Amino acid sequence: MSDAPHFLQVIVVGTDGSDGARRATDWAARLALATGARVHAVHVLTYNRELLRDITPDTMTTWRRQLHHDLETTWVGPLDEHHVAYRSVVIEDESPAIGLLHAADREQADLIVVGARGHRSLAGRVLGSTSYTLTHQARRPVVVVPPTWR
């Protein structure tokens, strides 16, 4: 850890299980290791009402349980590997970008980190990407980790 002033204390990293999210989580973990920052790994659930109308409560419960398990084990793997302080959460919001902005505000994050590509819906491809929205609406720096990093 550096003796430099700690201007970077909290990092929010978006994760969805994609390769891009894994690269972003690894990048955030390395930065946290170098700066002593805490990381908040955030997965944002968005609901498509038409898609959900046929899902039973039992199916939803099983799916959410698996999602939490994946987040708390596989998706935060780089944070465990680098032995950095972190917390993982699943939140619900209208879009991944808006959810990450809300999480960053709540946690008073100094930085938001996302991968250049994640699991995107058709609507996401048509209406705009998470990284685009974040870089245009965030009130704090945003790092978009490219697919070629690493």
N, C-alpha and C. Protein backbone atom coordinates (compact mmCIF):
# COMPACT_ATOMS: atom_id res chain seq x y z
N MET A 1 0.84 -1.18 0.00
CA MET A 1 0.00 0.00 0.00
C MET A 1 0.88 1.24 0.00
N SER A 2 0.48 2.25 -0.69
CA SER A 2 1.23 3.48 -0.87
C SER A 2 1.10 4.39 0.35
N ASP A 3 2.12 5.27 0.56
CA ASP A 3 2.05 6.27 1.61
C ASP A 3 1.41 7.57 1.11
N ALA A 4 0.96 7.57 -0.13
CA ALA A 4 0.34 8.75 -0.71
C ALA A 4 -0.99 9.03 -0.03
N PRO A 5 -1.45 10.29 -0.07
CA PRO A 5 -2.76 10.61 0.51
C PRO A 5 -3.85 9.73 -0.10
N HIS A 6 -4.82 9.39 0.72
CA HIS A 6 -5.87 8.48 0.27
C HIS A 6 -7.04 9.26 -0.32
N PHE A 7 -6.90 9.70 -1.54
CA PHE A 7 -7.99 10.38 -2.22
C PHE A 7 -8.99 9.37 -2.76
N LEU A 8 -8.60 8.11 -2.79
CA LEU A 8 -9.45 7.05 -3.32
C LEU A 8 -9.74 6.07 -2.19
N GLN A 9 -10.96 6.16 -1.64
CA GLN A 9 -11.31 5.32 -0.51
C GLN A 9 -12.37 4.28 -0.83
N VAL A 10 -13.28 4.60 -1.76
CA VAL A 10 -14.37 3.69 -2.08
C VAL A 10 -14.51 3.56 -3.59
N ILE A 11 -14.52 2.31 -4.06
CA ILE A 11 -14.70 2.01 -5.48
C ILE A 11 -15.97 1.18 -5.63
N VAL A 12 -16.85 1.59 -6.53
CA VAL A 12 -18.01 0.78 -6.89
C VAL A 12 -17.69 0.12 -8.22
N VAL A 13 -17.80 -1.20 -8.27
CA VAL A 13 -17.58 -1.93 -9.52
C VAL A 13 -18.86 -2.67 -9.89
N GLY A 14 -19.27 -2.51 -11.14
CA GLY A 14 -20.46 -3.21 -11.63
C GLY A 14 -20.09 -4.60 -12.09
N THR A 15 -20.92 -5.57 -11.71
CA THR A 15 -20.64 -6.94 -12.12
C THR A 15 -21.92 -7.65 -12.54
N ASP A 16 -21.77 -8.49 -13.57
CA ASP A 16 -22.92 -9.26 -14.07
C ASP A 16 -22.52 -10.66 -14.50
N GLY A 17 -21.32 -11.07 -14.17
CA GLY A 17 -20.87 -12.40 -14.55
C GLY A 17 -20.23 -12.49 -15.91
N SER A 18 -20.20 -11.39 -16.65
CA SER A 18 -19.61 -11.39 -17.99
C SER A 18 -18.09 -11.30 -17.92
N ASP A 19 -17.44 -11.58 -19.05
CA ASP A 19 -15.98 -11.42 -19.12
C ASP A 19 -15.58 -9.97 -18.86
N GLY A 20 -16.35 -9.04 -19.41
CA GLY A 20 -16.05 -7.62 -19.19
C GLY A 20 -16.13 -7.24 -17.73
N ALA A 21 -17.13 -7.76 -17.03
CA ALA A 21 -17.28 -7.47 -15.61
C ALA A 21 -16.15 -8.09 -14.81
N ARG A 22 -15.71 -9.27 -15.21
CA ARG A 22 -14.58 -9.90 -14.50
C ARG A 22 -13.31 -9.06 -14.67
N ARG A 23 -13.08 -8.55 -15.88
CA ARG A 23 -11.92 -7.69 -16.09
C ARG A 23 -12.03 -6.42 -15.25
N ALA A 24 -13.23 -5.84 -15.19
CA ALA A 24 -13.44 -4.63 -14.39
C ALA A 24 -13.21 -4.91 -12.91
N THR A 25 -13.69 -6.05 -12.43
CA THR A 25 -13.51 -6.41 -11.03
C THR A 25 -12.04 -6.63 -10.72
N ASP A 26 -11.33 -7.27 -11.62
CA ASP A 26 -9.89 -7.48 -11.43
C ASP A 26 -9.15 -6.14 -11.41
N TRP A 27 -9.51 -5.24 -12.32
CA TRP A 27 -8.87 -3.92 -12.38
C TRP A 27 -9.14 -3.16 -11.08
N ALA A 28 -10.39 -3.19 -10.61
CA ALA A 28 -10.76 -2.51 -9.37
C ALA A 28 -10.01 -3.12 -8.19
N ALA A 29 -9.86 -4.44 -8.18
CA ALA A 29 -9.14 -5.12 -7.09
C ALA A 29 -7.68 -4.68 -7.06
N ARG A 30 -7.05 -4.59 -8.21
CA ARG A 30 -5.64 -4.17 -8.27
C ARG A 30 -5.48 -2.72 -7.80
N LEU A 31 -6.42 -1.87 -8.20
CA LEU A 31 -6.37 -0.48 -7.76
C LEU A 31 -6.60 -0.39 -6.25
N ALA A 32 -7.55 -1.14 -5.74
CA ALA A 32 -7.83 -1.14 -4.30
C ALA A 32 -6.62 -1.64 -3.52
N LEU A 33 -5.95 -2.64 -4.04
CA LEU A 33 -4.75 -3.16 -3.38
C LEU A 33 -3.67 -2.08 -3.31
N ALA A 34 -3.52 -1.31 -4.36
CA ALA A 34 -2.49 -0.27 -4.42
C ALA A 34 -2.84 0.95 -3.57
N THR A 35 -4.13 1.21 -3.37
CA THR A 35 -4.55 2.44 -2.69
C THR A 35 -5.15 2.22 -1.30
N GLY A 36 -5.50 0.98 -0.99
CA GLY A 36 -6.17 0.71 0.28
C GLY A 36 -7.66 1.00 0.25
N ALA A 37 -8.22 1.21 -0.93
CA ALA A 37 -9.65 1.50 -1.05
C ALA A 37 -10.49 0.26 -0.77
N ARG A 38 -11.74 0.50 -0.36
CA ARG A 38 -12.72 -0.58 -0.22
C ARG A 38 -13.49 -0.67 -1.53
N VAL A 39 -13.91 -1.88 -1.86
CA VAL A 39 -14.65 -2.10 -3.11
C VAL A 39 -16.07 -2.55 -2.78
N HIS A 40 -17.02 -2.00 -3.50
CA HIS A 40 -18.41 -2.44 -3.42
C HIS A 40 -18.75 -3.04 -4.78
N ALA A 41 -18.87 -4.37 -4.81
CA ALA A 41 -19.25 -5.08 -6.04
C ALA A 41 -20.77 -5.07 -6.12
N VAL A 42 -21.29 -4.48 -7.19
CA VAL A 42 -22.74 -4.26 -7.30
C VAL A 42 -23.28 -4.94 -8.55
N HIS A 43 -24.32 -5.75 -8.35
CA HIS A 43 -25.08 -6.29 -9.48
C HIS A 43 -26.45 -5.64 -9.44
N VAL A 44 -26.88 -5.10 -10.57
CA VAL A 44 -28.17 -4.41 -10.64
C VAL A 44 -29.17 -5.28 -11.37
N LEU A 45 -30.25 -5.60 -10.67
CA LEU A 45 -31.36 -6.33 -11.29
C LEU A 45 -32.32 -5.34 -11.92
N THR A 46 -32.68 -5.61 -13.15
CA THR A 46 -33.73 -4.84 -13.81
C THR A 46 -34.79 -5.84 -14.23
N TYR A 47 -36.02 -5.41 -14.16
CA TYR A 47 -37.11 -6.34 -14.46
C TYR A 47 -37.84 -5.96 -15.73
N ASN A 48 -37.96 -6.93 -16.60
CA ASN A 48 -38.79 -6.80 -17.78
C ASN A 48 -40.14 -7.41 -17.40
N ARG A 49 -41.14 -6.57 -17.24
CA ARG A 49 -42.44 -7.04 -16.74
C ARG A 49 -43.07 -8.12 -17.63
N GLU A 50 -42.90 -8.00 -18.92
CA GLU A 50 -43.47 -9.02 -19.82
C GLU A 50 -42.78 -10.36 -19.62
N LEU A 51 -41.49 -10.35 -19.45
CA LEU A 51 -40.74 -11.58 -19.24
C LEU A 51 -41.10 -12.22 -17.91
N LEU A 52 -41.32 -11.39 -16.89
CA LEU A 52 -41.55 -11.90 -15.54
C LEU A 52 -42.97 -12.39 -15.29
N ARG A 53 -43.91 -12.06 -16.13
CA ARG A 53 -45.30 -12.43 -15.84
C ARG A 53 -45.51 -13.94 -15.81
N ASP A 54 -44.63 -14.72 -16.46
CA ASP A 54 -44.78 -16.17 -16.49
C ASP A 54 -43.89 -16.88 -15.47
N ILE A 55 -43.15 -16.13 -14.67
CA ILE A 55 -42.25 -16.75 -13.70
C ILE A 55 -42.99 -16.90 -12.37
N THR A 56 -42.92 -18.09 -11.81
CA THR A 56 -43.57 -18.35 -10.53
C THR A 56 -42.71 -17.80 -9.39
N PRO A 57 -43.32 -17.56 -8.23
CA PRO A 57 -42.54 -17.10 -7.08
C PRO A 57 -41.42 -18.07 -6.70
N ASP A 58 -41.67 -19.38 -6.81
CA ASP A 58 -40.63 -20.37 -6.49
C ASP A 58 -39.45 -20.27 -7.45
N THR A 59 -39.76 -20.10 -8.74
CA THR A 59 -38.70 -19.96 -9.74
C THR A 59 -37.90 -18.70 -9.47
N MET A 60 -38.58 -17.60 -9.14
CA MET A 60 -37.90 -16.34 -8.85
C MET A 60 -37.00 -16.47 -7.63
N THR A 61 -37.48 -17.15 -6.60
CA THR A 61 -36.68 -17.35 -5.39
C THR A 61 -35.43 -18.15 -5.69
N THR A 62 -35.59 -19.22 -6.45
CA THR A 62 -34.44 -20.06 -6.83
C THR A 62 -33.45 -19.26 -7.66
N TRP A 63 -33.95 -18.51 -8.62
CA TRP A 63 -33.10 -17.70 -9.48
C TRP A 63 -32.32 -16.66 -8.68
N ARG A 64 -33.01 -15.97 -7.76
CA ARG A 64 -32.34 -14.94 -6.94
C ARG A 64 -31.29 -15.57 -6.03
N ARG A 65 -31.60 -16.73 -5.48
CA ARG A 65 -30.64 -17.42 -4.61
C ARG A 65 -29.38 -17.77 -5.40
N GLN A 66 -29.55 -18.26 -6.63
CA GLN A 66 -28.41 -18.60 -7.48
C GLN A 66 -27.61 -17.35 -7.85
N LEU A 67 -28.32 -16.27 -8.13
CA LEU A 67 -27.67 -15.01 -8.47
C LEU A 67 -26.80 -14.52 -7.31
N HIS A 68 -27.34 -14.54 -6.11
CA HIS A 68 -26.56 -14.14 -4.92
C HIS A 68 -25.35 -15.05 -4.74
N HIS A 69 -25.55 -16.34 -4.93
CA HIS A 69 -24.45 -17.29 -4.80
C HIS A 69 -23.34 -16.98 -5.81
N ASP A 70 -23.72 -16.76 -7.06
CA ASP A 70 -22.74 -16.45 -8.10
C ASP A 70 -21.98 -15.17 -7.77
N LEU A 71 -22.70 -14.14 -7.33
CA LEU A 71 -22.06 -12.88 -6.97
C LEU A 71 -21.08 -13.08 -5.83
N GLU A 72 -21.50 -13.78 -4.80
CA GLU A 72 -20.69 -13.92 -3.59
C GLU A 72 -19.55 -14.92 -3.73
N THR A 73 -19.53 -15.68 -4.82
CA THR A 73 -18.45 -16.65 -5.00
C THR A 73 -17.65 -16.34 -6.26
N THR A 74 -18.19 -16.66 -7.40
CA THR A 74 -17.47 -16.54 -8.66
C THR A 74 -17.20 -15.10 -9.07
N TRP A 75 -18.22 -14.26 -9.06
CA TRP A 75 -18.09 -12.91 -9.61
C TRP A 75 -17.12 -12.04 -8.83
N VAL A 76 -16.98 -12.27 -7.54
CA VAL A 76 -16.04 -11.47 -6.74
C VAL A 76 -14.68 -12.15 -6.61
N GLY A 77 -14.47 -13.19 -7.39
CA GLY A 77 -13.20 -13.92 -7.34
C GLY A 77 -11.96 -13.06 -7.36
N PRO A 78 -11.85 -12.08 -8.27
CA PRO A 78 -10.65 -11.24 -8.29
C PRO A 78 -10.44 -10.46 -6.99
N LEU A 79 -11.51 -10.09 -6.32
CA LEU A 79 -11.38 -9.37 -5.05
C LEU A 79 -10.81 -10.28 -3.98
N ASP A 80 -11.27 -11.53 -3.96
CA ASP A 80 -10.71 -12.51 -3.03
C ASP A 80 -9.25 -12.81 -3.35
N GLU A 81 -8.96 -12.97 -4.64
CA GLU A 81 -7.59 -13.30 -5.06
C GLU A 81 -6.59 -12.23 -4.65
N HIS A 82 -7.01 -10.97 -4.67
CA HIS A 82 -6.11 -9.86 -4.32
C HIS A 82 -6.22 -9.46 -2.85
N HIS A 83 -7.08 -10.14 -2.10
CA HIS A 83 -7.23 -9.91 -0.66
C HIS A 83 -7.55 -8.45 -0.33
N VAL A 84 -8.54 -7.89 -1.04
CA VAL A 84 -8.95 -6.52 -0.75
C VAL A 84 -10.27 -6.53 0.00
N ALA A 85 -10.50 -5.46 0.75
CA ALA A 85 -11.76 -5.33 1.50
C ALA A 85 -12.89 -5.02 0.52
N TYR A 86 -13.97 -5.79 0.62
CA TYR A 86 -15.09 -5.55 -0.28
C TYR A 86 -16.40 -6.00 0.35
N ARG A 87 -17.47 -5.53 -0.28
CA ARG A 87 -18.82 -5.96 0.06
C ARG A 87 -19.53 -6.17 -1.27
N SER A 88 -20.34 -7.21 -1.36
CA SER A 88 -21.08 -7.47 -2.59
C SER A 88 -22.57 -7.33 -2.31
N VAL A 89 -23.27 -6.68 -3.26
CA VAL A 89 -24.70 -6.46 -3.09
C VAL A 89 -25.42 -6.63 -4.42
N VAL A 90 -26.68 -7.06 -4.32
CA VAL A 90 -27.59 -7.08 -5.46
C VAL A 90 -28.64 -6.03 -5.16
N ILE A 91 -28.83 -5.12 -6.11
CA ILE A 91 -29.84 -4.08 -5.94
C ILE A 91 -30.79 -4.12 -7.13
N GLU A 92 -31.92 -3.48 -6.99
CA GLU A 92 -32.90 -3.39 -8.08
C GLU A 92 -33.02 -1.94 -8.50
N ASP A 93 -33.05 -1.72 -9.80
CA ASP A 93 -33.22 -0.37 -10.31
C ASP A 93 -33.71 -0.43 -11.75
N GLU A 94 -33.97 0.72 -12.33
CA GLU A 94 -34.54 0.77 -13.68
C GLU A 94 -33.56 0.34 -14.76
N SER A 95 -32.27 0.52 -14.52
CA SER A 95 -31.24 0.09 -15.47
C SER A 95 -29.95 -0.14 -14.71
N PRO A 96 -29.02 -0.91 -15.29
CA PRO A 96 -27.73 -1.10 -14.61
C PRO A 96 -27.02 0.22 -14.35
N ALA A 97 -27.03 1.12 -15.31
CA ALA A 97 -26.33 2.40 -15.13
C ALA A 97 -26.93 3.21 -13.99
N ILE A 98 -28.25 3.34 -13.97
CA ILE A 98 -28.91 4.11 -12.92
C ILE A 98 -28.67 3.46 -11.56
N GLY A 99 -28.73 2.14 -11.51
CA GLY A 99 -28.45 1.43 -10.26
C GLY A 99 -27.03 1.68 -9.76
N LEU A 100 -26.06 1.65 -10.67
CA LEU A 100 -24.67 1.91 -10.27
C LEU A 100 -24.50 3.36 -9.82
N LEU A 101 -25.17 4.29 -10.48
CA LEU A 101 -25.11 5.69 -10.04
C LEU A 101 -25.69 5.84 -8.64
N HIS A 102 -26.83 5.19 -8.39
CA HIS A 102 -27.44 5.25 -7.06
C HIS A 102 -26.53 4.60 -6.01
N ALA A 103 -25.94 3.46 -6.35
CA ALA A 103 -25.04 2.78 -5.41
C ALA A 103 -23.83 3.65 -5.10
N ALA A 104 -23.28 4.29 -6.12
CA ALA A 104 -22.12 5.16 -5.92
C ALA A 104 -22.47 6.34 -5.03
N ASP A 105 -23.65 6.91 -5.21
CA ASP A 105 -24.10 8.00 -4.34
C ASP A 105 -24.26 7.52 -2.90
N ARG A 106 -24.92 6.37 -2.74
CA ARG A 106 -25.17 5.82 -1.40
C ARG A 106 -23.87 5.53 -0.66
N GLU A 107 -22.90 4.97 -1.37
CA GLU A 107 -21.63 4.58 -0.75
C GLU A 107 -20.61 5.71 -0.74
N GLN A 108 -20.98 6.86 -1.29
CA GLN A 108 -20.06 8.00 -1.43
C GLN A 108 -18.77 7.55 -2.12
N ALA A 109 -18.95 6.83 -3.20
CA ALA A 109 -17.81 6.28 -3.94
C ALA A 109 -16.99 7.39 -4.59
N ASP A 110 -15.71 7.12 -4.69
CA ASP A 110 -14.80 8.04 -5.36
C ASP A 110 -14.66 7.69 -6.83
N LEU A 111 -15.05 6.47 -7.21
CA LEU A 111 -14.82 5.98 -8.56
C LEU A 111 -15.82 4.87 -8.87
N ILE A 112 -16.26 4.80 -10.12
CA ILE A 112 -17.08 3.69 -10.61
C ILE A 112 -16.27 2.97 -11.68
N VAL A 113 -16.25 1.65 -11.62
CA VAL A 113 -15.51 0.84 -12.60
C VAL A 113 -16.48 -0.15 -13.25
N VAL A 114 -16.47 -0.20 -14.58
CA VAL A 114 -17.28 -1.16 -15.32
C VAL A 114 -16.48 -1.72 -16.48
N GLY A 115 -16.92 -2.85 -16.97
CA GLY A 115 -16.33 -3.41 -18.18
C GLY A 115 -16.94 -2.75 -19.41
N ALA A 116 -16.22 -2.81 -20.50
CA ALA A 116 -16.71 -2.21 -21.74
C ALA A 116 -17.92 -2.95 -22.29
N ARG A 117 -17.99 -4.23 -21.99
CA ARG A 117 -19.13 -5.03 -22.47
C ARG A 117 -19.59 -5.95 -21.36
N GLY A 118 -20.91 -6.06 -21.24
CA GLY A 118 -21.49 -6.97 -20.25
C GLY A 118 -22.60 -7.75 -20.90
N HIS A 119 -23.47 -8.31 -20.07
CA HIS A 119 -24.65 -9.01 -20.59
C HIS A 119 -25.70 -7.94 -20.86
N ARG A 120 -25.96 -7.68 -22.11
CA ARG A 120 -26.90 -6.62 -22.45
C ARG A 120 -28.12 -7.20 -23.12
N SER A 121 -29.24 -6.60 -22.81
CA SER A 121 -30.49 -6.98 -23.45
C SER A 121 -30.59 -6.29 -24.81
N LEU A 122 -31.58 -6.69 -25.58
CA LEU A 122 -31.82 -6.02 -26.86
C LEU A 122 -32.10 -4.54 -26.62
N ALA A 123 -32.88 -4.23 -25.60
CA ALA A 123 -33.18 -2.83 -25.29
C ALA A 123 -31.90 -2.07 -24.97
N GLY A 124 -30.98 -2.71 -24.24
CA GLY A 124 -29.71 -2.07 -23.91
C GLY A 124 -28.89 -1.76 -25.14
N ARG A 125 -28.91 -2.67 -26.12
CA ARG A 125 -28.16 -2.44 -27.35
C ARG A 125 -28.78 -1.32 -28.18
N VAL A 126 -30.10 -1.20 -28.11
CA VAL A 126 -30.79 -0.18 -28.90
C VAL A 126 -30.74 1.18 -28.19
N LEU A 127 -30.98 1.20 -26.89
CA LEU A 127 -31.11 2.46 -26.17
C LEU A 127 -29.80 3.02 -25.65
N GLY A 128 -28.77 2.21 -25.55
CA GLY A 128 -27.49 2.73 -25.09
C GLY A 128 -26.87 1.84 -24.04
N SER A 129 -25.58 1.92 -23.94
CA SER A 129 -24.86 1.03 -23.04
C SER A 129 -24.73 1.62 -21.65
N THR A 130 -24.43 0.76 -20.71
CA THR A 130 -24.19 1.17 -19.33
C THR A 130 -23.02 2.12 -19.26
N SER A 131 -21.92 1.79 -19.92
CA SER A 131 -20.73 2.64 -19.85
C SER A 131 -21.00 4.02 -20.44
N TYR A 132 -21.76 4.09 -21.51
CA TYR A 132 -22.09 5.39 -22.12
C TYR A 132 -22.89 6.24 -21.14
N THR A 133 -23.91 5.66 -20.55
CA THR A 133 -24.74 6.40 -19.60
C THR A 133 -23.93 6.85 -18.40
N LEU A 134 -23.10 5.96 -17.87
CA LEU A 134 -22.28 6.33 -16.71
C LEU A 134 -21.34 7.48 -17.02
N THR A 135 -20.65 7.40 -18.15
CA THR A 135 -19.67 8.45 -18.47
C THR A 135 -20.33 9.79 -18.75
N HIS A 136 -21.61 9.79 -19.06
CA HIS A 136 -22.31 11.04 -19.33
C HIS A 136 -23.13 11.56 -18.16
N GLN A 137 -23.42 10.71 -17.17
CA GLN A 137 -24.28 11.15 -16.07
C GLN A 137 -23.62 11.11 -14.70
N ALA A 138 -22.49 10.46 -14.56
CA ALA A 138 -21.86 10.32 -13.24
C ALA A 138 -21.29 11.64 -12.76
N ARG A 139 -21.30 11.81 -11.44
CA ARG A 139 -20.70 12.98 -10.81
C ARG A 139 -19.34 12.64 -10.21
N ARG A 140 -18.79 11.55 -10.65
CA ARG A 140 -17.48 11.09 -10.17
C ARG A 140 -16.80 10.41 -11.33
N PRO A 141 -15.50 10.18 -11.26
CA PRO A 141 -14.81 9.51 -12.37
C PRO A 141 -15.35 8.10 -12.61
N VAL A 142 -15.33 7.72 -13.87
CA VAL A 142 -15.76 6.39 -14.30
C VAL A 142 -14.62 5.78 -15.12
N VAL A 143 -14.26 4.55 -14.79
CA VAL A 143 -13.26 3.82 -15.56
C VAL A 143 -14.00 2.73 -16.32
N VAL A 144 -13.79 2.69 -17.63
CA VAL A 144 -14.35 1.63 -18.48
C VAL A 144 -13.19 0.76 -18.92
N VAL A 145 -13.14 -0.45 -18.40
CA VAL A 145 -12.03 -1.37 -18.69
C VAL A 145 -12.28 -2.03 -20.04
N PRO A 146 -11.36 -1.85 -20.99
CA PRO A 146 -11.59 -2.38 -22.34
C PRO A 146 -11.46 -3.90 -22.40
N PRO A 147 -12.06 -4.50 -23.43
CA PRO A 147 -12.00 -5.96 -23.58
C PRO A 147 -10.58 -6.47 -23.78
N THR A 148 -9.68 -5.61 -24.23
CA THR A 148 -8.30 -6.04 -24.50
C THR A 148 -7.39 -5.92 -23.29
N TRP A 149 -7.89 -5.35 -22.17
CA TRP A 149 -7.04 -5.20 -20.99
C TRP A 149 -6.77 -6.56 -20.36
N ARG A 150 -5.50 -6.77 -20.06
CA ARG A 150 -5.08 -7.95 -19.31
C ARG A 150 -4.19 -8.79 -20.15
